[in-house]
Amino acid sequence: MARSHDVLNQWVGAHAALLIEGQSRLSEVIETKEPDWELSLNTGLITLHGHRLQFALLGSVNEDDNTWLWSWADQGLDQRAIAIRRAQPLAGFGAEYGLWEFGQATFSMAGVIDLGLTPGASLALVAMPQLLGGAVFSGPYPGGRLYAVITDPQLTAEQPTAVTAARYLRGARGFGVALQRDLVSVYAAAHQLPTSQTADQMDLTFEDGSVLSVTFGPDNLIAKMHGVLPGAAPDTPADVPGQVRAAD
């Protein structure tokens, strides 16, 4: 009997805002959404539309049987290569959280949720913050697709603000994420943002001094987002762009 991916799928949903943010930044850096690409496992560099970026090779999906194979378990790859060594710490991740997929060399992808970039990208998304990465990348090869996390500082140097965070959280709600408090918590943790919270609200403080207050309704769904920019009084929402001030 195939093992359940239920826990993994919950984690994927909670990481949805990071997916939108990461792919948006990647498109900005390489100036296209559909880049030509080539990579070197030994140097750990991938070239996307002429831009050389550091990456970690996670693994691949075999299109014939829809199975995932981690790079650290792929006998056809040189395990000394930089791109693979960067991914090796993931082999121990997951045991504490019930993410059995991270400790099993190969497994069926049947049942893994797809947020629009293939189920393999969903798995890569959960791995991304563990490697301090900024985006995920998927590329075809004969018989399958490979998956990588872009770890280059060009994608991770820019810090989020209340404006950008609200945009990504708002977009993530469109995926139908059920545990939306987790969505906010994971986003804050990935960016090491100070937070304070009550039963129905979470406040995120950003490096530029902006603050985003997220109010939750029944079942921990996001009811409203209210932002205050640096230098603005907390009770002056007119100073904040509408898309940040409230998301209904």
C-alpha atoms as a PDB file:
ATOM      1  CA  MET A   1       0.000   0.000   0.000  1.00  0.00           C
ATOM      2  CA  ALA A   2       1.302   3.453  -0.938  1.00  0.00           C
ATOM      3  CA  ARG A   3       2.144   5.705   1.975  1.00  0.00           C
ATOM      4  CA  SER A   4       0.144   8.880   2.504  1.00  0.00           C
ATOM      5  CA  HIS A   5       1.487  12.307   1.541  1.00  0.00           C
ATOM      6  CA  ASP A   6      -1.022  14.111   3.776  1.00  0.00           C
ATOM      7  CA  VAL A   7       1.556  15.699   6.090  1.00  0.00           C
ATOM      8  CA  LEU A   8       3.729  16.763   3.161  1.00  0.00           C
ATOM      9  CA  ASN A   9       0.716  18.311   1.433  1.00  0.00           C
ATOM     10  CA  GLN A  10      -0.080  20.371   4.531  1.00  0.00           C
ATOM     11  CA  TRP A  11       3.480  21.660   4.509  1.00  0.00           C
ATOM     12  CA  VAL A  12       3.244  22.477   0.809  1.00  0.00           C
ATOM     13  CA  GLY A  13       0.142  24.570   1.416  1.00  0.00           C
ATOM     14  CA  ALA A  14       1.793  26.397   4.300  1.00  0.00           C
ATOM     15  CA  HIS A  15       4.734  27.289   2.034  1.00  0.00           C
ATOM     16  CA  ALA A  16       2.604  28.631  -0.814  1.00  0.00           C
ATOM     17  CA  ALA A  17       3.447  32.311  -0.200  1.00  0.00           C
ATOM     18  CA  LEU A  18       7.150  31.463  -0.384  1.00  0.00           C
ATOM     19  CA  LEU A  19       6.565  29.811  -3.764  1.00  0.00           C
ATOM     20  CA  ILE A  20       4.912  32.919  -5.199  1.00  0.00           C
ATOM     21  CA  GLU A  21       7.601  35.160  -3.751  1.00  0.00           C
ATOM     22  CA  GLY A  22      10.486  32.977  -4.908  1.00  0.00           C
ATOM     23  CA  GLN A  23       9.312  32.488  -8.452  1.00  0.00           C
ATOM     24  CA  SER A  24       8.529  36.199  -8.759  1.00  0.00           C
ATOM     25  CA  ARG A  25      12.034  37.144  -7.660  1.00  0.00           C
ATOM     26  CA  LEU A  26      13.609  34.534  -9.904  1.00  0.00           C
ATOM     27  CA  SER A  27      11.734  35.962 -12.912  1.00  0.00           C
ATOM     28  CA  GLU A  28      12.923  39.458 -11.998  1.00  0.00           C
ATOM     29  CA  VAL A  29      16.568  38.378 -11.711  1.00  0.00           C
ATOM     30  CA  ILE A  30      16.727  36.353 -14.920  1.00  0.00           C
ATOM     31  CA  GLU A  31      14.235  38.630 -16.739  1.00  0.00           C
ATOM     32  CA  THR A  32      12.027  35.825 -18.069  1.00  0.00           C
ATOM     33  CA  LYS A  33       9.648  33.125 -16.846  1.00  0.00           C
ATOM     34  CA  GLU A  34      10.785  30.549 -19.400  1.00  0.00           C
ATOM     35  CA  PRO A  35      14.594  30.540 -19.441  1.00  0.00           C
ATOM     36  CA  ASP A  36      16.975  28.429 -21.429  1.00  0.00           C
ATOM     37  CA  TRP A  37      19.250  26.645 -18.993  1.00  0.00           C
ATOM     38  CA  GLU A  38      22.333  24.550 -18.416  1.00  0.00           C
ATOM     39  CA  LEU A  39      23.945  23.431 -15.208  1.00  0.00           C
ATOM     40  CA  SER A  40      27.129  22.031 -13.740  1.00  0.00           C
ATOM     41  CA  LEU A  41      26.869  19.711 -10.758  1.00  0.00           C
ATOM     42  CA  ASN A  42      30.583  20.033 -10.025  1.00  0.00           C
ATOM     43  CA  THR A  43      30.609  23.830  -9.781  1.00  0.00           C
ATOM     44  CA  GLY A  44      27.104  24.083  -8.332  1.00  0.00           C
ATOM     45  CA  LEU A  45      26.172  26.752 -10.866  1.00  0.00           C
ATOM     46  CA  ILE A  46      23.129  26.874 -13.099  1.00  0.00           C
ATOM     47  CA  THR A  47      22.856  29.288 -16.012  1.00  0.00           C
ATOM     48  CA  LEU A  48      19.339  30.599 -16.558  1.00  0.00           C
ATOM     49  CA  HIS A  49      18.863  32.959 -19.509  1.00  0.00           C
ATOM     50  CA  GLY A  50      22.517  33.967 -19.235  1.00  0.00           C
ATOM     51  CA  HIS A  51      22.507  34.447 -15.442  1.00  0.00           C
ATOM     52  CA  ARG A  52      24.803  32.172 -13.418  1.00  0.00           C
ATOM     53  CA  LEU A  53      23.325  31.211 -10.055  1.00  0.00           C
ATOM     54  CA  GLN A  54      24.257  28.870  -7.214  1.00  0.00           C
ATOM     55  CA  PHE A  55      21.940  25.894  -6.790  1.00  0.00           C
ATOM     56  CA  ALA A  56      21.364  22.612  -4.999  1.00  0.00           C
ATOM     57  CA  LEU A  57      20.169  19.600  -6.972  1.00  0.00           C
ATOM     58  CA  LEU A  58      17.353  17.929  -5.025  1.00  0.00           C
ATOM     59  CA  GLY A  59      16.354  15.054  -7.240  1.00  0.00           C
ATOM     60  CA  SER A  60      14.273  13.991 -10.203  1.00  0.00           C
ATOM     61  CA  VAL A  61      10.937  12.492 -11.172  1.00  0.00           C
ATOM     62  CA  ASN A  62      10.821   9.551 -13.586  1.00  0.00           C
ATOM     63  CA  GLU A  63       7.980  10.200 -16.012  1.00  0.00           C
ATOM     64  CA  ASP A  64       7.501   6.485 -16.758  1.00  0.00           C
ATOM     65  CA  ASP A  65       6.547   5.441 -13.228  1.00  0.00           C
ATOM     66  CA  ASN A  66       6.055   8.855 -11.523  1.00  0.00           C
ATOM     67  CA  THR A  67       8.654   8.174  -8.836  1.00  0.00           C
ATOM     68  CA  TRP A  68      10.921  10.635  -7.069  1.00  0.00           C
ATOM     69  CA  LEU A  69      14.638   9.901  -6.601  1.00  0.00           C
ATOM     70  CA  TRP A  70      16.742  12.107  -4.328  1.00  0.00           C
ATOM     71  CA  SER A  71      20.051  13.267  -5.749  1.00  0.00           C
ATOM     72  CA  TRP A  72      21.871  11.982  -2.669  1.00  0.00           C
ATOM     73  CA  ALA A  73      20.564   8.495  -3.478  1.00  0.00           C
ATOM     74  CA  ASP A  74      21.164   8.565  -7.235  1.00  0.00           C
ATOM     75  CA  GLN A  75      23.934   6.059  -7.956  1.00  0.00           C
ATOM     76  CA  GLY A  76      24.490   7.599 -11.386  1.00  0.00           C
ATOM     77  CA  LEU A  77      25.642  10.917  -9.905  1.00  0.00           C
ATOM     78  CA  ASP A  78      28.942  11.916  -8.341  1.00  0.00           C
ATOM     79  CA  GLN A  79      28.082  12.480  -4.696  1.00  0.00           C
ATOM     80  CA  ARG A  80      31.125  14.732  -4.319  1.00  0.00           C
ATOM     81  CA  ALA A  81      29.616  17.322  -6.679  1.00  0.00           C
ATOM     82  CA  ILE A  82      28.882  20.675  -5.016  1.00  0.00           C
ATOM     83  CA  ALA A  83      25.260  20.810  -6.201  1.00  0.00           C
ATOM     84  CA  ILE A  84      24.560  17.427  -4.586  1.00  0.00           C
ATOM     85  CA  ARG A  85      26.491  18.108  -1.377  1.00  0.00           C
ATOM     86  CA  ARG A  86      24.325  21.183  -0.861  1.00  0.00           C
ATOM     87  CA  ALA A  87      21.227  18.971  -0.841  1.00  0.00           C
ATOM     88  CA  GLN A  88      22.593  16.155   1.350  1.00  0.00           C
ATOM     89  CA  PRO A  89      21.502  17.703   4.695  1.00  0.00           C
ATOM     90  CA  LEU A  90      17.901  17.138   3.610  1.00  0.00           C
ATOM     91  CA  ALA A  91      18.352  13.392   4.085  1.00  0.00           C
ATOM     92  CA  GLY A  92      17.969  13.888   7.837  1.00  0.00           C
ATOM     93  CA  PHE A  93      15.266  16.532   7.655  1.00  0.00           C
ATOM     94  CA  GLY A  94      11.705  15.417   8.115  1.00  0.00           C
ATOM     95  CA  ALA A  95      12.025  12.667  10.696  1.00  0.00           C
ATOM     96  CA  GLU A  96      11.069  15.108  13.458  1.00  0.00           C
ATOM     97  CA  TYR A  97       8.041  16.381  11.549  1.00  0.00           C
ATOM     98  CA  GLY A  98       6.570  13.241  10.026  1.00  0.00           C
ATOM     99  CA  LEU A  99       7.853  14.067   6.544  1.00  0.00           C
ATOM    100  CA  TRP A 100       8.926  10.540   5.720  1.00  0.00           C
ATOM    101  CA  GLU A 101       9.586  11.465   2.087  1.00  0.00           C
ATOM    102  CA  PHE A 102      12.805  13.259   3.051  1.00  0.00           C
ATOM    103  CA  GLY A 103      14.345  10.100   4.452  1.00  0.00           C
ATOM    104  CA  GLN A 104      13.333   7.645   1.731  1.00  0.00           C
ATOM    105  CA  ALA A 105      15.552   7.429  -1.332  1.00  0.00           C
ATOM    106  CA  THR A 106      12.730   6.918  -3.821  1.00  0.00           C
ATOM    107  CA  PHE A 107       8.933   6.873  -3.645  1.00  0.00           C
ATOM    108  CA  SER A 108       5.788   7.353  -5.702  1.00  0.00           C
ATOM    109  CA  MET A 109       4.653  10.936  -6.272  1.00  0.00           C
ATOM    110  CA  ALA A 110       1.011   9.872  -6.611  1.00  0.00           C
ATOM    111  CA  GLY A 111      -1.058  12.039  -4.279  1.00  0.00           C
ATOM    112  CA  VAL A 112       1.446  14.908  -3.864  1.00  0.00           C
ATOM    113  CA  ILE A 113      -0.358  18.225  -4.286  1.00  0.00           C
ATOM    114  CA  ASP A 114       0.409  20.379  -7.340  1.00  0.00           C
ATOM    115  CA  LEU A 115       0.375  24.172  -6.922  1.00  0.00           C
ATOM    116  CA  GLY A 116       0.780  24.682 -10.637  1.00  0.00           C
ATOM    117  CA  LEU A 117       4.470  23.868 -11.147  1.00  0.00           C
ATOM    118  CA  THR A 118       4.165  20.041 -10.949  1.00  0.00           C
ATOM    119  CA  PRO A 119       4.097  17.921  -7.747  1.00  0.00           C
ATOM    120  CA  GLY A 120       7.887  17.682  -7.851  1.00  0.00           C
ATOM    121  CA  ALA A 121       8.110  21.436  -7.440  1.00  0.00           C
ATOM    122  CA  SER A 122       5.845  21.140  -4.400  1.00  0.00           C
ATOM    123  CA  LEU A 123       8.365  18.830  -2.747  1.00  0.00           C
ATOM    124  CA  ALA A 124      11.167  21.219  -3.709  1.00  0.00           C
ATOM    125  CA  LEU A 125       9.202  24.081  -2.153  1.00  0.00           C
ATOM    126  CA  VAL A 126       9.204  22.440   1.271  1.00  0.00           C
ATOM    127  CA  ALA A 127      12.944  21.819   0.935  1.00  0.00           C
ATOM    128  CA  MET A 128      13.699  25.391  -0.145  1.00  0.00           C
ATOM    129  CA  PRO A 129      13.784  27.203   3.244  1.00  0.00           C
ATOM    130  CA  GLN A 130      15.722  24.322   4.795  1.00  0.00           C
ATOM    131  CA  LEU A 131      18.533  25.138   2.351  1.00  0.00           C
ATOM    132  CA  LEU A 132      18.086  28.920   2.753  1.00  0.00           C
ATOM    133  CA  GLY A 133      17.081  29.023  -0.892  1.00  0.00           C
ATOM    134  CA  GLY A 134      15.209  31.693  -2.770  1.00  0.00           C
ATOM    135  CA  ALA A 135      13.330  29.805  -5.514  1.00  0.00           C
ATOM    136  CA  VAL A 136      12.786  26.405  -7.072  1.00  0.00           C
ATOM    137  CA  PHE A 137      13.641  25.349 -10.595  1.00  0.00           C
ATOM    138  CA  SER A 138      12.502  22.440 -12.713  1.00  0.00           C
ATOM    139  CA  GLY A 139      13.924  21.355 -16.050  1.00  0.00           C
ATOM    140  CA  PRO A 140      13.164  18.446 -18.382  1.00  0.00           C
ATOM    141  CA  TYR A 141      15.601  15.733 -19.384  1.00  0.00           C
ATOM    142  CA  PRO A 142      14.982  12.546 -21.404  1.00  0.00           C
ATOM    143  CA  GLY A 143      12.495  10.500 -19.397  1.00  0.00           C
ATOM    144  CA  GLY A 144      11.891  12.881 -16.550  1.00  0.00           C
ATOM    145  CA  ARG A 145      12.350  16.225 -14.824  1.00  0.00           C
ATOM    146  CA  LEU A 146      15.014  17.420 -12.418  1.00  0.00           C
ATOM    147  CA  TYR A 147      14.327  19.717  -9.484  1.00  0.00           C
ATOM    148  CA  ALA A 148      16.634  22.220  -7.834  1.00  0.00           C
ATOM    149  CA  VAL A 149      16.628  24.965  -5.226  1.00  0.00           C
ATOM    150  CA  ILE A 150      18.289  28.224  -6.251  1.00  0.00           C
ATOM    151  CA  THR A 151      20.475  29.208  -3.285  1.00  0.00           C
ATOM    152  CA  ASP A 152      22.156  32.230  -4.848  1.00  0.00           C
ATOM    153  CA  PRO A 153      22.310  35.447  -2.756  1.00  0.00           C
ATOM    154  CA  GLN A 154      20.901  37.369  -5.722  1.00  0.00           C
ATOM    155  CA  LEU A 155      17.526  35.889  -4.803  1.00  0.00           C
ATOM    156  CA  THR A 156      17.782  36.016  -1.031  1.00  0.00           C
ATOM    157  CA  ALA A 157      19.463  39.360  -0.345  1.00  0.00           C
ATOM    158  CA  GLU A 158      16.357  41.502  -0.794  1.00  0.00           C
ATOM    159  CA  GLN A 159      14.270  41.644   2.371  1.00  0.00           C
ATOM    160  CA  PRO A 160      10.450  41.543   2.270  1.00  0.00           C
ATOM    161  CA  THR A 161       8.272  44.416   3.461  1.00  0.00           C
ATOM    162  CA  ALA A 162       4.668  44.674   4.634  1.00  0.00           C
ATOM    163  CA  VAL A 163       3.732  45.599   1.069  1.00  0.00           C
ATOM    164  CA  THR A 164       5.372  42.627  -0.635  1.00  0.00           C
ATOM    165  CA  ALA A 165       4.456  40.114   2.084  1.00  0.00           C
ATOM    166  CA  ALA A 166       0.768  41.020   1.877  1.00  0.00           C
ATOM    167  CA  ARG A 167       0.905  40.567  -1.885  1.00  0.00           C
ATOM    168  CA  TYR A 168       2.394  37.077  -1.623  1.00  0.00           C
ATOM    169  CA  LEU A 169       0.117  35.985   1.238  1.00  0.00           C
ATOM    170  CA  ARG A 170      -2.888  37.239  -0.658  1.00  0.00           C
ATOM    171  CA  GLY A 171      -1.856  35.265  -3.724  1.00  0.00           C
ATOM    172  CA  ALA A 172      -1.275  32.146  -1.649  1.00  0.00           C
ATOM    173  CA  ARG A 173      -4.863  32.249  -0.399  1.00  0.00           C
ATOM    174  CA  GLY A 174      -5.893  31.640  -3.984  1.00  0.00           C
ATOM    175  CA  PHE A 175      -4.493  28.113  -3.722  1.00  0.00           C
ATOM    176  CA  GLY A 176      -7.243  27.304  -1.216  1.00  0.00           C
ATOM    177  CA  VAL A 177      -4.833  26.758   1.690  1.00  0.00           C
ATOM    178  CA  ALA A 178      -6.838  25.521   4.660  1.00  0.00           C
ATOM    179  CA  LEU A 179      -4.404  26.330   7.497  1.00  0.00           C
ATOM    180  CA  GLN A 180      -3.810  30.002   6.755  1.00  0.00           C
ATOM    181  CA  ARG A 181      -2.314  30.831  10.153  1.00  0.00           C
ATOM    182  CA  ASP A 182       0.395  28.324   9.268  1.00  0.00           C
ATOM    183  CA  LEU A 183       0.793  30.126   5.941  1.00  0.00           C
ATOM    184  CA  VAL A 184       1.669  33.342   7.795  1.00  0.00           C
ATOM    185  CA  SER A 185       3.795  31.600  10.433  1.00  0.00           C
ATOM    186  CA  VAL A 186       5.909  29.768   7.861  1.00  0.00           C
ATOM    187  CA  TYR A 187       6.443  32.937   5.843  1.00  0.00           C
ATOM    188  CA  ALA A 188       7.576  34.801   8.974  1.00  0.00           C
ATOM    189  CA  ALA A 189       9.850  31.978  10.113  1.00  0.00           C
ATOM    190  CA  ALA A 190      11.490  31.622   6.690  1.00  0.00           C
ATOM    191  CA  HIS A 191      12.428  35.314   6.775  1.00  0.00           C
ATOM    192  CA  GLN A 192      13.210  35.339  10.518  1.00  0.00           C
ATOM    193  CA  LEU A 193      10.665  38.088  11.108  1.00  0.00           C
ATOM    194  CA  PRO A 194       9.770  39.069  14.680  1.00  0.00           C
ATOM    195  CA  THR A 195       6.139  38.237  15.381  1.00  0.00           C
ATOM    196  CA  SER A 196       3.580  38.788  18.099  1.00  0.00           C
ATOM    197  CA  GLN A 197       0.207  37.120  18.162  1.00  0.00           C
ATOM    198  CA  THR A 198      -3.094  36.665  19.914  1.00  0.00           C
ATOM    199  CA  ALA A 199      -5.877  34.165  19.344  1.00  0.00           C
ATOM    200  CA  ASP A 200      -7.105  36.000  16.253  1.00  0.00           C
ATOM    201  CA  GLN A 201      -4.198  38.157  15.064  1.00  0.00           C
ATOM    202  CA  MET A 202      -0.529  37.942  14.121  1.00  0.00           C
ATOM    203  CA  ASP A 203       1.756  40.963  13.657  1.00  0.00           C
ATOM    204  CA  LEU A 204       4.884  40.699  11.503  1.00  0.00           C
ATOM    205  CA  THR A 205       7.638  43.309  11.817  1.00  0.00           C
ATOM    206  CA  PHE A 206       9.961  43.795   8.858  1.00  0.00           C
ATOM    207  CA  GLU A 207      13.532  45.018   8.559  1.00  0.00           C
ATOM    208  CA  ASP A 208      12.443  48.365   7.088  1.00  0.00           C
ATOM    209  CA  GLY A 209      10.204  49.013  10.104  1.00  0.00           C
ATOM    210  CA  SER A 210       6.928  48.239   8.364  1.00  0.00           C
ATOM    211  CA  VAL A 211       4.378  46.089  10.179  1.00  0.00           C
ATOM    212  CA  LEU A 212       1.752  43.757   8.776  1.00  0.00           C
ATOM    213  CA  SER A 213      -1.164  42.757  11.012  1.00  0.00           C
ATOM    214  CA  VAL A 214      -3.055  39.681   9.885  1.00  0.00           C
ATOM    215  CA  THR A 215      -6.472  39.035  11.408  1.00  0.00           C
ATOM    216  CA  PHE A 216      -7.918  35.531  11.362  1.00  0.00           C
ATOM    217  CA  GLY A 217     -11.544  34.523  11.242  1.00  0.00           C
ATOM    218  CA  PRO A 218     -13.171  31.140  11.798  1.00  0.00           C
ATOM    219  CA  ASP A 219     -10.986  28.094  11.164  1.00  0.00           C
ATOM    220  CA  ASN A 220      -7.881  30.327  11.138  1.00  0.00           C
ATOM    221  CA  LEU A 221      -8.645  31.718   7.685  1.00  0.00           C
ATOM    222  CA  ILE A 222      -7.218  35.154   6.890  1.00  0.00           C
ATOM    223  CA  ALA A 223     -10.001  37.720   7.302  1.00  0.00           C
ATOM    224  CA  LYS A 224      -8.005  40.937   6.851  1.00  0.00           C
ATOM    225  CA  MET A 225      -4.465  42.253   6.412  1.00  0.00           C
ATOM    226  CA  HIS A 226      -3.568  45.721   7.636  1.00  0.00           C
ATOM    227  CA  GLY A 227      -0.144  47.271   7.061  1.00  0.00           C
ATOM    228  CA  VAL A 228       1.657  50.275   8.487  1.00  0.00           C
ATOM    229  CA  LEU A 229       4.658  51.687   6.664  1.00  0.00           C
ATOM    230  CA  PRO A 230       7.750  53.119   8.430  1.00  0.00           C
ATOM    231  CA  GLY A 231       7.035  56.473  10.036  1.00  0.00           C
ATOM    232  CA  ALA A 232       3.258  56.157   9.800  1.00  0.00           C
ATOM    233  CA  ALA A 233       1.105  56.136  12.914  1.00  0.00           C
ATOM    234  CA  PRO A 234      -0.632  52.791  13.530  1.00  0.00           C
ATOM    235  CA  ASP A 235      -4.064  54.427  13.203  1.00  0.00           C
ATOM    236  CA  THR A 236      -3.460  55.982   9.770  1.00  0.00           C
ATOM    237  CA  PRO A 237      -4.337  53.230   7.284  1.00  0.00           C
ATOM    238  CA  ALA A 238      -4.724  55.767   4.485  1.00  0.00           C
ATOM    239  CA  ASP A 239      -0.937  55.950   4.299  1.00  0.00           C
ATOM    240  CA  VAL A 240      -0.802  52.285   3.339  1.00  0.00           C
ATOM    241  CA  PRO A 241      -1.539  50.956  -0.177  1.00  0.00           C
ATOM    242  CA  GLY A 242      -4.997  49.465  -0.465  1.00  0.00           C
ATOM    243  CA  GLN A 243      -3.835  45.976  -1.285  1.00  0.00           C
ATOM    244  CA  VAL A 244      -1.910  45.952   2.001  1.00  0.00           C
ATOM    245  CA  ARG A 245      -4.484  47.752   4.078  1.00  0.00           C
ATOM    246  CA  ALA A 246      -7.152  45.131   3.648  1.00  0.00           C
ATOM    247  CA  ALA A 247      -7.558  41.826   1.874  1.00  0.00           C
ATOM    248  CA  ASP A 248     -11.095  40.490   2.163  1.00  0.00           C
END
